[in-house]
Amino acid sequence: MRLDDVGELGLLAELERLGLVQGIEHDAAQIGGLVVTQDALVEGVHFRFDLLSWAELGFRAAAANISDLAASGAEPLALVVTLALPGSARVEDVVELYAGIAEAGVPVRGGDTTRADAVMLSVTALGRSERVPGRSGARVGDLLVVTGPLGGAGAAFRAGRLARPPIRVAEGRRLAAVATAMLDVSDGLGVDAAHIARRSGCRVTIELERVPLANGATLEDVAFGEDYELLAATPDAAGFTVIGRCEEGEDVRVTLHGEPYELPGWEHFR
């Protein structure tokens, strides 16, 4: 069995089945009183330097992890950064990268550096939350809401650049008080909605005509992912845009003006 056959989700399911990992169904792990998340960006896989600068890479890595804290309703406390890069890299570029991380507004409190053939940046983010909605609590009758427009990252990529991720910490804390499930839109709307449906044991329906689009974005761009807006199932919309609901059944049903619509997304190894 190969990774490109089972994909990231299949790999995680197998590790769970074997009891080798625990509690990985959410955006972040709750450990004692802390909420912890970790993500890595690899040159040639997640980014290219012809599409972004060192400072933009730093901000992007920090924001992606802070987004997972936001999806947990957490207040960020600190970042731990591991950086792997060639010895030929310039010190000035590394300083620029850390300046980009600092721009996200969460202090770096530790980490590691090592030599590698390509740049790899791994960030661990720590925070605290009074209530983590997770992905498994959505109930039939809940509304599906998003915190902002989607498709901006896909539109930017078509234009030859990478979009700057938003940071939705305040929105996450506001939604965490009422949401039954929540995560950030990083793999594409359809794929991320499927995480809620699968873990919660319900069907998530999405009405694409209700999805707010970023400037210049199309519905195809919504499938690209990396928008880092929050997607939540909640009995109370709390002022956010409603794009669907949770119903009896399973999986995700996407429609456009009542007609079925295919909305693919991103999965590692596929």
C-alpha atoms as a PDB file:
ATOM      1  CA  MET A   1       0.000   0.000   0.000  1.00  0.00           C
ATOM      2  CA  ARG A   2       1.412   3.375  -1.060  1.00  0.00           C
ATOM      3  CA  LEU A   3       0.845   6.823   0.388  1.00  0.00           C
ATOM      4  CA  ASP A   4      -0.315   8.154  -2.967  1.00  0.00           C
ATOM      5  CA  ASP A   5      -3.002   5.437  -2.945  1.00  0.00           C
ATOM      6  CA  VAL A   6      -4.430   6.100   0.529  1.00  0.00           C
ATOM      7  CA  GLY A   7      -3.673   9.832   0.857  1.00  0.00           C
ATOM      8  CA  GLU A   8      -3.131  11.801   4.046  1.00  0.00           C
ATOM      9  CA  LEU A   9      -6.543  10.962   5.486  1.00  0.00           C
ATOM     10  CA  GLY A  10      -6.102   7.266   4.843  1.00  0.00           C
ATOM     11  CA  LEU A  11      -2.699   7.325   6.529  1.00  0.00           C
ATOM     12  CA  LEU A  12      -4.081   9.069   9.610  1.00  0.00           C
ATOM     13  CA  ALA A  13      -7.001   6.610   9.760  1.00  0.00           C
ATOM     14  CA  GLU A  14      -4.572   3.675   9.685  1.00  0.00           C
ATOM     15  CA  LEU A  15      -2.425   5.168  12.448  1.00  0.00           C
ATOM     16  CA  GLU A  16      -5.545   5.721  14.552  1.00  0.00           C
ATOM     17  CA  ARG A  17      -6.739   2.168  13.885  1.00  0.00           C
ATOM     18  CA  LEU A  18      -3.421   0.801  15.134  1.00  0.00           C
ATOM     19  CA  GLY A  19      -3.566   2.970  18.245  1.00  0.00           C
ATOM     20  CA  LEU A  20      -0.332   4.746  17.320  1.00  0.00           C
ATOM     21  CA  VAL A  21      -1.844   8.242  17.453  1.00  0.00           C
ATOM     22  CA  GLN A  22      -4.587   9.668  19.639  1.00  0.00           C
ATOM     23  CA  GLY A  23      -6.916  12.650  19.459  1.00  0.00           C
ATOM     24  CA  ILE A  24      -5.666  13.946  16.109  1.00  0.00           C
ATOM     25  CA  GLU A  25      -9.118  14.600  14.687  1.00  0.00           C
ATOM     26  CA  HIS A  26      -9.007  18.310  15.502  1.00  0.00           C
ATOM     27  CA  ASP A  27      -6.986  21.293  14.263  1.00  0.00           C
ATOM     28  CA  ALA A  28      -4.984  21.356  17.488  1.00  0.00           C
ATOM     29  CA  ALA A  29      -4.279  19.115  20.472  1.00  0.00           C
ATOM     30  CA  GLN A  30      -5.426  19.914  24.001  1.00  0.00           C
ATOM     31  CA  ILE A  31      -2.628  19.039  26.418  1.00  0.00           C
ATOM     32  CA  GLY A  32      -3.331  20.008  29.980  1.00  0.00           C
ATOM     33  CA  GLY A  33      -4.373  23.645  29.871  1.00  0.00           C
ATOM     34  CA  LEU A  34      -2.660  24.281  26.536  1.00  0.00           C
ATOM     35  CA  VAL A  35      -3.822  24.105  22.937  1.00  0.00           C
ATOM     36  CA  VAL A  36      -0.946  23.035  20.657  1.00  0.00           C
ATOM     37  CA  THR A  37      -0.687  22.833  16.875  1.00  0.00           C
ATOM     38  CA  GLN A  38       2.155  22.309  14.406  1.00  0.00           C
ATOM     39  CA  ASP A  39       2.539  22.750  10.667  1.00  0.00           C
ATOM     40  CA  ALA A  40       5.445  22.607   8.232  1.00  0.00           C
ATOM     41  CA  LEU A  41       6.109  24.363   4.924  1.00  0.00           C
ATOM     42  CA  VAL A  42       8.502  22.693   2.481  1.00  0.00           C
ATOM     43  CA  GLU A  43      10.154  24.464  -0.442  1.00  0.00           C
ATOM     44  CA  GLY A  44       8.877  23.104  -3.746  1.00  0.00           C
ATOM     45  CA  VAL A  45       5.783  21.608  -2.108  1.00  0.00           C
ATOM     46  CA  HIS A  46       4.109  24.473  -0.229  1.00  0.00           C
ATOM     47  CA  PHE A  47       5.976  27.469  -1.626  1.00  0.00           C
ATOM     48  CA  ARG A  48       8.492  28.760  -4.156  1.00  0.00           C
ATOM     49  CA  PHE A  49      10.625  31.846  -3.745  1.00  0.00           C
ATOM     50  CA  ASP A  50       9.527  33.148  -7.140  1.00  0.00           C
ATOM     51  CA  LEU A  51       6.041  33.461  -5.617  1.00  0.00           C
ATOM     52  CA  LEU A  52       6.875  34.968  -2.231  1.00  0.00           C
ATOM     53  CA  SER A  53       9.655  36.620  -0.246  1.00  0.00           C
ATOM     54  CA  TRP A  54      11.399  35.363   2.889  1.00  0.00           C
ATOM     55  CA  ALA A  55       9.304  37.741   5.015  1.00  0.00           C
ATOM     56  CA  GLU A  56       6.102  36.544   3.368  1.00  0.00           C
ATOM     57  CA  LEU A  57       7.133  32.936   4.022  1.00  0.00           C
ATOM     58  CA  GLY A  58       7.659  33.719   7.705  1.00  0.00           C
ATOM     59  CA  PHE A  59       4.302  35.422   8.074  1.00  0.00           C
ATOM     60  CA  ARG A  60       2.576  32.632   6.146  1.00  0.00           C
ATOM     61  CA  ALA A  61       4.032  29.919   8.380  1.00  0.00           C
ATOM     62  CA  ALA A  62       3.065  31.786  11.545  1.00  0.00           C
ATOM     63  CA  ALA A  63      -0.419  32.657  10.274  1.00  0.00           C
ATOM     64  CA  ALA A  64      -1.205  29.073   9.200  1.00  0.00           C
ATOM     65  CA  ASN A  65      -0.509  27.830  12.717  1.00  0.00           C
ATOM     66  CA  ILE A  66      -2.257  30.723  14.435  1.00  0.00           C
ATOM     67  CA  SER A  67      -5.242  29.900  12.216  1.00  0.00           C
ATOM     68  CA  ASP A  68      -5.421  26.439  13.790  1.00  0.00           C
ATOM     69  CA  LEU A  69      -5.409  28.070  17.228  1.00  0.00           C
ATOM     70  CA  ALA A  70      -8.183  30.398  16.054  1.00  0.00           C
ATOM     71  CA  ALA A  71     -10.203  27.368  14.936  1.00  0.00           C
ATOM     72  CA  SER A  72      -9.822  26.098  18.506  1.00  0.00           C
ATOM     73  CA  GLY A  73     -11.025  29.371  20.001  1.00  0.00           C
ATOM     74  CA  ALA A  74      -7.566  29.859  21.499  1.00  0.00           C
ATOM     75  CA  GLU A  75      -5.606  32.956  22.399  1.00  0.00           C
ATOM     76  CA  PRO A  76      -2.046  32.523  20.995  1.00  0.00           C
ATOM     77  CA  LEU A  77       0.763  32.527  23.557  1.00  0.00           C
ATOM     78  CA  ALA A  78       3.981  31.556  21.774  1.00  0.00           C
ATOM     79  CA  LEU A  79       5.599  30.017  18.693  1.00  0.00           C
ATOM     80  CA  VAL A  80       8.416  27.463  18.501  1.00  0.00           C
ATOM     81  CA  VAL A  81      10.230  27.535  15.151  1.00  0.00           C
ATOM     82  CA  THR A  82      12.356  24.894  13.436  1.00  0.00           C
ATOM     83  CA  LEU A  83      14.191  26.042  10.310  1.00  0.00           C
ATOM     84  CA  ALA A  84      16.104  23.783   7.927  1.00  0.00           C
ATOM     85  CA  LEU A  85      18.011  25.378   5.040  1.00  0.00           C
ATOM     86  CA  PRO A  86      21.189  25.160   2.965  1.00  0.00           C
ATOM     87  CA  GLY A  87      24.415  26.592   4.347  1.00  0.00           C
ATOM     88  CA  SER A  88      24.519  28.907   1.317  1.00  0.00           C
ATOM     89  CA  ALA A  89      21.459  30.802   2.577  1.00  0.00           C
ATOM     90  CA  ARG A  90      22.128  34.447   3.485  1.00  0.00           C
ATOM     91  CA  VAL A  91      21.868  35.587   7.095  1.00  0.00           C
ATOM     92  CA  GLU A  92      19.922  38.622   5.866  1.00  0.00           C
ATOM     93  CA  ASP A  93      17.274  36.340   4.375  1.00  0.00           C
ATOM     94  CA  VAL A  94      16.880  34.429   7.643  1.00  0.00           C
ATOM     95  CA  VAL A  95      16.500  37.701   9.528  1.00  0.00           C
ATOM     96  CA  GLU A  96      13.832  38.740   7.011  1.00  0.00           C
ATOM     97  CA  LEU A  97      12.018  35.450   7.554  1.00  0.00           C
ATOM     98  CA  TYR A  98      11.925  35.930  11.327  1.00  0.00           C
ATOM     99  CA  ALA A  99      10.733  39.512  10.818  1.00  0.00           C
ATOM    100  CA  GLY A 100       7.826  38.074   8.849  1.00  0.00           C
ATOM    101  CA  ILE A 101       7.051  35.661  11.672  1.00  0.00           C
ATOM    102  CA  ALA A 102       7.143  38.537  14.168  1.00  0.00           C
ATOM    103  CA  GLU A 103       4.635  40.461  12.051  1.00  0.00           C
ATOM    104  CA  ALA A 104       1.994  37.888  13.028  1.00  0.00           C
ATOM    105  CA  GLY A 105       2.176  39.284  16.570  1.00  0.00           C
ATOM    106  CA  VAL A 106       2.998  36.124  18.538  1.00  0.00           C
ATOM    107  CA  PRO A 107       6.471  35.826  20.138  1.00  0.00           C
ATOM    108  CA  VAL A 108       8.954  33.108  19.176  1.00  0.00           C
ATOM    109  CA  ARG A 109      10.060  31.337  22.368  1.00  0.00           C
ATOM    110  CA  GLY A 110      12.307  28.587  21.037  1.00  0.00           C
ATOM    111  CA  GLY A 111      13.070  26.160  18.228  1.00  0.00           C
ATOM    112  CA  ASP A 112      15.930  24.674  16.228  1.00  0.00           C
ATOM    113  CA  THR A 113      17.969  25.212  13.063  1.00  0.00           C
ATOM    114  CA  THR A 114      19.594  22.571  10.880  1.00  0.00           C
ATOM    115  CA  ARG A 115      21.168  22.092   7.452  1.00  0.00           C
ATOM    116  CA  ALA A 116      19.082  20.792   4.531  1.00  0.00           C
ATOM    117  CA  ASP A 117      19.143  20.828   0.733  1.00  0.00           C
ATOM    118  CA  ALA A 118      15.932  22.882   0.576  1.00  0.00           C
ATOM    119  CA  VAL A 119      14.181  25.255   2.944  1.00  0.00           C
ATOM    120  CA  MET A 120      11.757  23.688   5.443  1.00  0.00           C
ATOM    121  CA  LEU A 121      10.023  25.825   8.039  1.00  0.00           C
ATOM    122  CA  SER A 122       8.094  24.136  10.862  1.00  0.00           C
ATOM    123  CA  VAL A 123       6.164  26.170  13.409  1.00  0.00           C
ATOM    124  CA  THR A 124       4.531  24.961  16.601  1.00  0.00           C
ATOM    125  CA  ALA A 125       1.956  27.329  18.083  1.00  0.00           C
ATOM    126  CA  LEU A 126       0.753  27.265  21.693  1.00  0.00           C
ATOM    127  CA  GLY A 127      -2.349  28.924  23.091  1.00  0.00           C
ATOM    128  CA  ARG A 128      -5.130  28.691  25.651  1.00  0.00           C
ATOM    129  CA  SER A 129      -8.853  28.245  25.093  1.00  0.00           C
ATOM    130  CA  GLU A 130     -11.827  28.082  27.427  1.00  0.00           C
ATOM    131  CA  ARG A 131     -13.714  25.902  24.928  1.00  0.00           C
ATOM    132  CA  VAL A 132     -12.436  23.991  21.874  1.00  0.00           C
ATOM    133  CA  PRO A 133     -15.316  23.080  19.503  1.00  0.00           C
ATOM    134  CA  GLY A 134     -13.296  20.432  17.624  1.00  0.00           C
ATOM    135  CA  ARG A 135     -14.766  18.738  14.561  1.00  0.00           C
ATOM    136  CA  SER A 136     -17.010  16.035  15.990  1.00  0.00           C
ATOM    137  CA  GLY A 137     -19.855  17.903  17.689  1.00  0.00           C
ATOM    138  CA  ALA A 138     -21.952  19.181  14.760  1.00  0.00           C
ATOM    139  CA  ARG A 139     -25.669  18.392  15.102  1.00  0.00           C
ATOM    140  CA  VAL A 140     -28.545  18.097  12.662  1.00  0.00           C
ATOM    141  CA  GLY A 141     -30.070  21.559  12.302  1.00  0.00           C
ATOM    142  CA  ASP A 142     -26.827  23.467  12.840  1.00  0.00           C
ATOM    143  CA  LEU A 143     -25.976  26.252  10.417  1.00  0.00           C
ATOM    144  CA  LEU A 144     -22.713  26.241   8.471  1.00  0.00           C
ATOM    145  CA  VAL A 145     -20.942  29.622   8.544  1.00  0.00           C
ATOM    146  CA  VAL A 146     -17.689  31.172   7.306  1.00  0.00           C
ATOM    147  CA  THR A 147     -15.855  34.155   8.748  1.00  0.00           C
ATOM    148  CA  GLY A 148     -14.912  35.781   5.436  1.00  0.00           C
ATOM    149  CA  PRO A 149     -14.620  35.505   1.647  1.00  0.00           C
ATOM    150  CA  LEU A 150     -13.169  32.400   0.006  1.00  0.00           C
ATOM    151  CA  GLY A 151     -11.226  31.795  -3.182  1.00  0.00           C
ATOM    152  CA  GLY A 152      -8.676  34.570  -2.695  1.00  0.00           C
ATOM    153  CA  ALA A 153      -5.752  32.157  -2.421  1.00  0.00           C
ATOM    154  CA  GLY A 154      -6.740  30.349  -5.615  1.00  0.00           C
ATOM    155  CA  ALA A 155      -7.186  33.623  -7.495  1.00  0.00           C
ATOM    156  CA  ALA A 156      -3.788  34.845  -6.299  1.00  0.00           C
ATOM    157  CA  PHE A 157      -2.097  31.612  -7.371  1.00  0.00           C
ATOM    158  CA  ARG A 158      -3.598  31.928 -10.859  1.00  0.00           C
ATOM    159  CA  ALA A 159      -2.078  35.409 -10.971  1.00  0.00           C
ATOM    160  CA  GLY A 160       1.380  34.034 -10.080  1.00  0.00           C
ATOM    161  CA  ARG A 161       1.610  34.826  -6.390  1.00  0.00           C
ATOM    162  CA  LEU A 162       0.614  33.472  -2.986  1.00  0.00           C
ATOM    163  CA  ALA A 163      -2.071  35.243  -0.962  1.00  0.00           C
ATOM    164  CA  ARG A 164      -1.401  36.634   2.504  1.00  0.00           C
ATOM    165  CA  PRO A 165      -3.394  34.555   5.024  1.00  0.00           C
ATOM    166  CA  PRO A 166      -5.811  36.361   7.343  1.00  0.00           C
ATOM    167  CA  ILE A 167      -5.607  35.912  11.105  1.00  0.00           C
ATOM    168  CA  ARG A 168      -9.036  35.275  12.655  1.00  0.00           C
ATOM    169  CA  VAL A 169      -8.257  34.907  16.359  1.00  0.00           C
ATOM    170  CA  ALA A 170     -10.995  37.284  17.539  1.00  0.00           C
ATOM    171  CA  GLU A 171     -13.555  35.643  15.266  1.00  0.00           C
ATOM    172  CA  GLY A 172     -12.491  32.200  16.477  1.00  0.00           C
ATOM    173  CA  ARG A 173     -12.957  33.098  20.118  1.00  0.00           C
ATOM    174  CA  ARG A 174     -16.367  34.580  19.334  1.00  0.00           C
ATOM    175  CA  LEU A 175     -17.501  31.478  17.444  1.00  0.00           C
ATOM    176  CA  ALA A 176     -15.997  29.029  19.941  1.00  0.00           C
ATOM    177  CA  ALA A 177     -18.545  30.182  22.521  1.00  0.00           C
ATOM    178  CA  VAL A 178     -21.426  28.746  20.426  1.00  0.00           C
ATOM    179  CA  ALA A 179     -20.035  26.499  17.645  1.00  0.00           C
ATOM    180  CA  THR A 180     -20.466  22.735  17.798  1.00  0.00           C
ATOM    181  CA  ALA A 181     -17.605  22.144  15.317  1.00  0.00           C
ATOM    182  CA  MET A 182     -15.016  24.419  13.754  1.00  0.00           C
ATOM    183  CA  LEU A 183     -11.885  24.319  11.603  1.00  0.00           C
ATOM    184  CA  ASP A 184     -10.051  26.557   9.164  1.00  0.00           C
ATOM    185  CA  VAL A 185     -10.388  26.334   5.386  1.00  0.00           C
ATOM    186  CA  SER A 186      -6.915  25.200   4.368  1.00  0.00           C
ATOM    187  CA  ASP A 187      -7.547  22.174   2.108  1.00  0.00           C
ATOM    188  CA  GLY A 188     -10.571  23.531   0.215  1.00  0.00           C
ATOM    189  CA  LEU A 189     -14.158  24.141   1.294  1.00  0.00           C
ATOM    190  CA  GLY A 190     -15.469  20.725   0.266  1.00  0.00           C
ATOM    191  CA  VAL A 191     -12.620  18.759   1.852  1.00  0.00           C
ATOM    192  CA  ASP A 192     -12.734  20.712   5.119  1.00  0.00           C
ATOM    193  CA  ALA A 193     -16.529  20.459   5.337  1.00  0.00           C
ATOM    194  CA  ALA A 194     -16.096  16.681   4.914  1.00  0.00           C
ATOM    195  CA  HIS A 195     -13.940  16.601   8.053  1.00  0.00           C
ATOM    196  CA  ILE A 196     -16.897  17.953  10.042  1.00  0.00           C
ATOM    197  CA  ALA A 197     -19.373  15.596   8.351  1.00  0.00           C
ATOM    198  CA  ARG A 198     -17.197  12.513   8.885  1.00  0.00           C
ATOM    199  CA  ARG A 199     -16.301  13.214  12.504  1.00  0.00           C
ATOM    200  CA  SER A 200     -19.781  14.407  13.495  1.00  0.00           C
ATOM    201  CA  GLY A 201     -21.770  11.710  11.688  1.00  0.00           C
ATOM    202  CA  CYS A 202     -23.996  14.066   9.721  1.00  0.00           C
ATOM    203  CA  ARG A 203     -24.405  15.407   6.206  1.00  0.00           C
ATOM    204  CA  VAL A 204     -23.067  18.889   5.546  1.00  0.00           C
ATOM    205  CA  THR A 205     -24.841  20.726   2.733  1.00  0.00           C
ATOM    206  CA  ILE A 206     -23.255  23.745   1.061  1.00  0.00           C
ATOM    207  CA  GLU A 207     -25.124  26.193  -1.177  1.00  0.00           C
ATOM    208  CA  LEU A 208     -22.385  27.738  -3.315  1.00  0.00           C
ATOM    209  CA  GLU A 209     -24.466  30.748  -4.320  1.00  0.00           C
ATOM    210  CA  ARG A 210     -24.302  31.821  -0.665  1.00  0.00           C
ATOM    211  CA  VAL A 211     -20.507  31.529  -0.373  1.00  0.00           C
ATOM    212  CA  PRO A 212     -18.827  34.968  -0.281  1.00  0.00           C
ATOM    213  CA  LEU A 213     -16.096  35.222  -2.921  1.00  0.00           C
ATOM    214  CA  ALA A 214     -12.884  37.231  -2.636  1.00  0.00           C
ATOM    215  CA  ASN A 215     -12.173  39.877  -5.262  1.00  0.00           C
ATOM    216  CA  GLY A 216     -11.373  38.227  -8.579  1.00  0.00           C
ATOM    217  CA  ALA A 217     -12.182  34.730  -7.299  1.00  0.00           C
ATOM    218  CA  THR A 218     -14.326  32.111  -9.004  1.00  0.00           C
ATOM    219  CA  LEU A 219     -16.018  29.013  -7.593  1.00  0.00           C
ATOM    220  CA  GLU A 220     -13.118  26.948  -8.925  1.00  0.00           C
ATOM    221  CA  ASP A 221     -10.814  29.007  -6.709  1.00  0.00           C
ATOM    222  CA  VAL A 222     -12.868  27.996  -3.649  1.00  0.00           C
ATOM    223  CA  ALA A 223     -11.639  24.425  -4.155  1.00  0.00           C
ATOM    224  CA  PHE A 224      -7.996  25.569  -4.008  1.00  0.00           C
ATOM    225  CA  GLY A 225      -7.973  26.023  -0.223  1.00  0.00           C
ATOM    226  CA  GLU A 226      -5.435  28.036   1.794  1.00  0.00           C
ATOM    227  CA  ASP A 227      -7.984  30.776   2.509  1.00  0.00           C
ATOM    228  CA  TYR A 228      -7.597  30.300   6.284  1.00  0.00           C
ATOM    229  CA  GLU A 229     -11.073  31.602   7.013  1.00  0.00           C
ATOM    230  CA  LEU A 230     -12.931  29.688   9.728  1.00  0.00           C
ATOM    231  CA  LEU A 231     -15.719  27.245   8.897  1.00  0.00           C
ATOM    232  CA  ALA A 232     -18.109  26.383  11.727  1.00  0.00           C
ATOM    233  CA  ALA A 233     -21.243  24.400  12.432  1.00  0.00           C
ATOM    234  CA  THR A 234     -23.287  26.327  14.939  1.00  0.00           C
ATOM    235  CA  PRO A 235     -26.875  26.786  16.159  1.00  0.00           C
ATOM    236  CA  ASP A 236     -26.206  30.551  16.235  1.00  0.00           C
ATOM    237  CA  ALA A 237     -24.670  32.266  13.186  1.00  0.00           C
ATOM    238  CA  ALA A 238     -23.255  34.966  15.506  1.00  0.00           C
ATOM    239  CA  GLY A 239     -23.379  37.475  12.656  1.00  0.00           C
ATOM    240  CA  PHE A 240     -21.280  35.411  10.224  1.00  0.00           C
ATOM    241  CA  THR A 241     -22.284  34.388   6.683  1.00  0.00           C
ATOM    242  CA  VAL A 242     -24.455  31.252   6.488  1.00  0.00           C
ATOM    243  CA  ILE A 243     -23.511  29.005   3.543  1.00  0.00           C
ATOM    244  CA  GLY A 244     -25.308  25.768   4.440  1.00  0.00           C
ATOM    245  CA  ARG A 245     -26.469  23.478   7.212  1.00  0.00           C
ATOM    246  CA  CYS A 246     -26.058  20.079   8.859  1.00  0.00           C
ATOM    247  CA  GLU A 247     -28.660  17.418   8.027  1.00  0.00           C
ATOM    248  CA  GLU A 248     -29.402  13.756   8.562  1.00  0.00           C
ATOM    249  CA  GLY A 249     -27.121  11.580   6.465  1.00  0.00           C
ATOM    250  CA  GLU A 250     -23.417  11.533   5.727  1.00  0.00           C
ATOM    251  CA  ASP A 251     -20.670  13.204   3.682  1.00  0.00           C
ATOM    252  CA  VAL A 252     -20.977  16.587   1.921  1.00  0.00           C
ATOM    253  CA  ARG A 253     -23.599  17.725  -0.582  1.00  0.00           C
ATOM    254  CA  VAL A 254     -22.632  20.779  -2.639  1.00  0.00           C
ATOM    255  CA  THR A 255     -25.160  22.553  -4.853  1.00  0.00           C
ATOM    256  CA  LEU A 256     -25.266  25.656  -7.047  1.00  0.00           C
ATOM    257  CA  HIS A 257     -28.785  27.039  -7.383  1.00  0.00           C
ATOM    258  CA  GLY A 258     -30.155  23.641  -6.401  1.00  0.00           C
ATOM    259  CA  GLU A 259     -28.048  21.592  -8.833  1.00  0.00           C
ATOM    260  CA  PRO A 260     -25.229  19.259  -7.696  1.00  0.00           C
ATOM    261  CA  TYR A 261     -21.740  20.774  -8.066  1.00  0.00           C
ATOM    262  CA  GLU A 262     -18.361  19.022  -7.904  1.00  0.00           C
ATOM    263  CA  LEU A 263     -16.011  20.784  -5.474  1.00  0.00           C
ATOM    264  CA  PRO A 264     -12.626  19.026  -5.220  1.00  0.00           C
ATOM    265  CA  GLY A 265      -9.861  19.997  -2.829  1.00  0.00           C
ATOM    266  CA  TRP A 266      -6.330  19.255  -1.665  1.00  0.00           C
ATOM    267  CA  GLU A 267      -5.078  16.131   0.069  1.00  0.00           C
ATOM    268  CA  HIS A 268      -1.381  15.404   0.713  1.00  0.00           C
ATOM    269  CA  PHE A 269       0.164  12.424  -1.119  1.00  0.00           C
ATOM    270  CA  ARG A 270      -2.769  12.152  -3.568  1.00  0.00           C
END
